[in-house]
Protein backbone atom coordinates (compact mmCIF):
# COMPACT_ATOMS: atom_id res chain seq x y z
CA MET A 1 -31.57 21.64 35.52
CA LYS A 2 -29.03 19.68 37.58
CA LYS A 3 -26.05 18.42 35.63
CA PHE A 4 -24.54 16.29 38.38
CA ILE A 5 -25.37 14.22 41.43
CA PHE A 6 -23.47 13.44 44.60
CA ALA A 7 -23.19 9.72 45.29
CA LYS A 8 -22.11 8.42 48.67
CA ASP A 9 -19.93 5.36 48.14
CA ARG A 10 -18.12 3.77 51.11
CA GLY A 11 -18.59 6.89 53.22
CA ILE A 12 -17.28 9.33 50.60
CA PHE A 13 -19.42 11.72 48.57
CA HIS A 14 -18.42 11.73 44.90
CA LYS A 15 -19.58 14.35 42.40
CA ILE A 16 -20.74 12.53 39.26
CA PHE A 17 -21.65 14.49 36.15
CA LEU A 18 -24.76 13.06 34.47
CA ASP A 19 -23.03 13.17 31.09
CA ASP A 20 -20.38 10.79 32.45
CA ILE A 21 -22.83 8.09 33.55
CA LEU A 22 -22.98 5.12 31.18
CA TYR A 23 -25.71 3.16 32.95
CA LEU A 24 -27.13 2.16 36.31
CA ALA A 25 -27.72 -1.39 37.52
CA SER A 26 -29.65 -2.51 40.59
CA SER A 27 -28.77 -5.09 43.18
CA LYS A 28 -31.36 -5.36 45.96
CA ASP A 29 -31.28 -2.06 47.92
CA TYR A 30 -28.26 -0.73 46.05
CA VAL A 31 -27.64 0.86 42.68
CA LEU A 32 -24.37 0.61 40.79
CA ILE A 33 -23.57 3.79 38.86
CA LYS A 34 -21.16 2.98 36.03
CA VAL A 35 -18.98 5.71 34.58
CA ALA A 36 -16.16 5.22 32.09
CA ASP A 37 -13.33 4.47 34.50
CA ARG A 38 -15.08 3.38 37.69
CA ARG A 39 -18.28 2.44 39.39
CA PHE A 40 -20.05 3.66 42.49
CA ILE A 41 -22.38 1.62 44.67
CA VAL A 42 -25.02 3.69 46.45
CA HIS A 43 -27.82 2.81 48.83
CA THR A 44 -30.94 3.86 46.92
CA THR A 45 -33.61 2.38 44.65
CA MET A 46 -33.90 2.28 40.88
CA THR A 47 -37.27 4.03 41.13
CA SER A 48 -35.66 6.93 42.99
CA MET A 49 -32.84 7.19 40.45
CA GLU A 50 -35.29 6.92 37.55
CA LYS A 51 -37.25 9.89 38.90
CA ARG A 52 -34.07 11.95 39.31
CA LEU A 53 -32.87 11.17 35.79
CA GLU A 54 -36.12 11.10 33.79
CA THR A 55 -35.78 14.68 32.56
CA HIS A 56 -32.30 13.90 31.24
CA ASN A 57 -31.31 11.47 28.49
CA PHE A 58 -31.80 8.32 30.54
CA CYS A 59 -34.21 5.46 29.96
CA ARG A 60 -35.13 2.46 32.07
CA THR A 61 -34.63 -0.69 30.02
CA SER A 62 -35.50 -3.33 32.65
CA ARG A 63 -36.17 -3.71 36.34
CA ALA A 64 -32.42 -3.76 36.81
CA HIS A 65 -31.08 -1.17 34.33
CA ILE A 66 -31.25 2.49 33.37
CA VAL A 67 -29.09 3.60 30.44
CA ASN A 68 -27.78 6.94 29.26
CA MET A 69 -29.18 7.18 25.71
CA GLU A 70 -26.20 9.26 24.60
CA LYS A 71 -23.74 6.49 25.55
CA ILE A 72 -25.35 3.63 23.58
CA ASP A 73 -22.98 2.25 20.94
CA ARG A 74 -25.20 -0.43 19.43
CA ILE A 75 -28.58 -2.15 19.85
CA GLN A 76 -29.13 -5.68 18.61
CA ASP A 77 -31.63 -8.40 19.58
CA HIS A 78 -32.90 -6.51 22.65
CA GLU A 79 -29.35 -6.04 23.91
CA ILE A 80 -27.64 -2.68 24.31
CA GLN A 81 -23.89 -2.29 23.92
CA ILE A 82 -22.29 0.51 25.94
CA GLY A 83 -18.53 0.37 25.66
CA ASN A 84 -17.49 -3.14 26.69
CA ASP A 85 -20.67 -3.71 28.70
CA ARG A 86 -23.96 -5.21 27.59
CA VAL A 87 -27.33 -4.31 29.05
CA LEU A 88 -30.47 -6.30 28.31
CA ILE A 89 -33.74 -4.68 27.37
CA GLY A 90 -36.32 -6.24 29.67
CA GLY A 91 -39.93 -7.25 29.31
CA ARG A 92 -42.64 -5.93 27.05
CA VAL A 93 -43.37 -2.70 28.95
CA TYR A 94 -39.70 -1.71 29.22
CA ARG A 95 -39.08 -2.64 25.58
CA LYS A 96 -42.02 -0.53 24.42
CA ASN A 97 -40.91 2.50 26.45
CA PHE A 98 -37.29 2.13 25.34
CA TYR A 99 -38.12 1.90 21.64
CA GLU A 100 -40.51 4.88 21.96
CA LYS A 101 -37.70 6.94 23.46
CA LEU A 102 -35.31 5.63 20.81
CA LYS A 103 -37.56 7.11 18.11
CA GLU A 104 -36.61 10.57 19.38
CA TRP A 105 -33.00 9.78 18.45
CA GLN A 106 -33.57 8.03 15.10
CA VAL A 107 -32.81 9.66 11.76
């Protein structure tokens, strides 16, 4: 199982360990990959990234976001807190899938 990806950002390939990714956010034909101390903007789709990350601890929470389940600090009112950032949980289908995956982590 792959533990990292290479992301091309501004002509440079960066090795990003999956455990370091906080979340991904989409903007048209680009995806922002947020890690603790920086962000990378890559030319790809959320669907492509979702497929690459689905066997890891990532979950799509809306059309625009995929979160690393291990990095979630708090969930309240369909909003996820990851560090200083907030990510919304989208519509009914995304909410249902997210809360199903969350059950795997509940005690």
